[in-house]
Amino acid sequence: MIPSRHIKFTLLRPVSADKEEWVTADHEEAGSEDLCFLTDTTPKEVIDHLKNCGVAIQEGPVNKQGTMGALKSVYCRDPDGSLIEISAYED
């Protein structure tokens, strides 16, 4: 398990059902949520942990731009199909 001290920030993104260009939950419903967690754990550690827990990696690691700089993000889905992003700022 990734210790909670490694999770720095959580972002909830309510998504409009008509937002076609956004990769989001696998169900098209207004009010579906995407979650973004910031961590100081490396993307490799995140991927290894998720795989060890039987969680499929949707995408990543991929380069993204966050509000405080460059990020590496890993994507998976929760049991309801909502998109989960786990990101770490690059040094």
Protein backbone atom coordinates (compact mmCIF):
# COMPACT_ATOMS: atom_id res chain seq x y z
CA MET A 1 0.00 0.00 0.00
CA ILE A 2 1.22 3.51 -0.76
CA PRO A 3 1.35 5.23 2.66
CA SER A 4 -1.05 8.14 2.98
CA ARG A 5 1.83 10.48 3.80
CA HIS A 6 2.82 10.16 0.13
CA ILE A 7 -0.52 11.56 -1.08
CA LYS A 8 -0.22 15.34 -1.09
CA PHE A 9 -3.37 16.63 -2.75
CA THR A 10 -6.58 15.35 -4.25
CA LEU A 11 -8.47 17.04 -7.08
CA LEU A 12 -12.07 16.16 -7.93
CA ARG A 13 -13.14 17.01 -11.46
CA PRO A 14 -16.90 16.86 -11.99
CA VAL A 15 -17.36 16.25 -15.70
CA SER A 16 -20.15 17.39 -17.98
CA ALA A 17 -21.60 14.55 -20.06
CA ASP A 18 -21.23 16.64 -23.26
CA LYS A 19 -17.44 17.14 -22.87
CA GLU A 20 -16.33 14.88 -25.73
CA GLU A 21 -12.62 15.74 -26.01
CA TRP A 22 -11.84 14.91 -22.37
CA VAL A 23 -10.67 11.39 -21.46
CA THR A 24 -12.86 10.62 -18.51
CA ALA A 25 -14.97 7.99 -16.80
CA ASP A 26 -16.02 5.08 -19.00
CA HIS A 27 -19.68 5.93 -18.44
CA GLU A 28 -21.18 9.05 -19.96
CA GLU A 29 -23.12 10.53 -17.07
CA ALA A 30 -23.31 14.10 -15.88
CA GLY A 31 -21.72 14.26 -12.45
CA SER A 32 -19.28 11.41 -13.03
CA GLU A 33 -15.99 12.23 -11.39
CA ASP A 34 -12.34 11.94 -12.22
CA LEU A 35 -9.89 11.97 -9.35
CA CYS A 36 -6.33 13.24 -9.40
CA PHE A 37 -3.92 12.41 -6.59
CA LEU A 38 -0.52 14.08 -6.24
CA THR A 39 2.18 11.94 -4.67
CA ASP A 40 5.92 12.02 -4.04
CA THR A 41 6.07 8.34 -4.99
CA THR A 42 7.72 7.65 -8.36
CA PRO A 43 5.55 6.61 -11.31
CA LYS A 44 7.36 3.24 -11.36
CA GLU A 45 6.46 2.65 -7.70
CA VAL A 46 2.84 3.62 -8.41
CA ILE A 47 2.65 1.25 -11.40
CA ASP A 48 4.30 -1.59 -9.46
CA HIS A 49 1.90 -1.09 -6.54
CA LEU A 50 -1.19 -0.98 -8.76
CA LYS A 51 -0.11 -4.09 -10.68
CA ASN A 52 0.58 -5.93 -7.40
CA CYS A 53 -2.99 -5.05 -6.35
CA GLY A 54 -4.41 -6.34 -9.65
CA VAL A 55 -5.29 -2.87 -10.96
CA ALA A 56 -4.95 -2.42 -14.73
CA ILE A 57 -2.96 0.59 -15.91
CA GLN A 58 -5.08 2.63 -18.32
CA GLU A 59 -2.20 4.84 -19.48
CA GLY A 60 1.16 6.11 -18.33
CA PRO A 61 3.41 7.28 -17.24
CA VAL A 62 2.72 10.32 -19.41
CA ASN A 63 4.01 13.88 -19.26
CA LYS A 64 1.50 16.50 -18.13
CA GLN A 65 1.64 20.13 -17.08
CA GLY A 66 0.39 20.90 -13.58
CA THR A 67 -0.12 24.24 -11.87
CA MET A 68 3.30 23.98 -10.22
CA GLY A 69 5.32 22.46 -13.06
CA ALA A 70 5.84 19.30 -15.08
CA LEU A 71 4.12 16.10 -13.93
CA LYS A 72 4.36 12.41 -14.68
CA SER A 73 0.90 10.84 -14.51
CA VAL A 74 -0.36 7.26 -14.33
CA TYR A 75 -4.01 6.49 -15.05
CA CYS A 76 -6.25 3.66 -13.88
CA ARG A 77 -9.98 3.22 -13.18
CA ASP A 78 -11.92 2.65 -10.00
CA PRO A 79 -14.45 -0.21 -9.78
CA ASP A 80 -17.19 2.12 -11.10
CA GLY A 81 -15.11 3.02 -14.19
CA SER A 82 -14.19 6.54 -13.08
CA LEU A 83 -10.76 7.72 -14.17
CA ILE A 84 -8.07 7.95 -11.48
CA GLU A 85 -4.91 9.98 -12.16
CA ILE A 86 -1.91 9.57 -9.86
CA SER A 87 0.70 12.25 -10.54
CA ALA A 88 4.10 13.31 -9.28
CA TYR A 89 5.88 16.58 -9.94
CA GLU A 90 9.26 16.13 -11.58
CA ASP A 91 12.29 17.39 -9.68
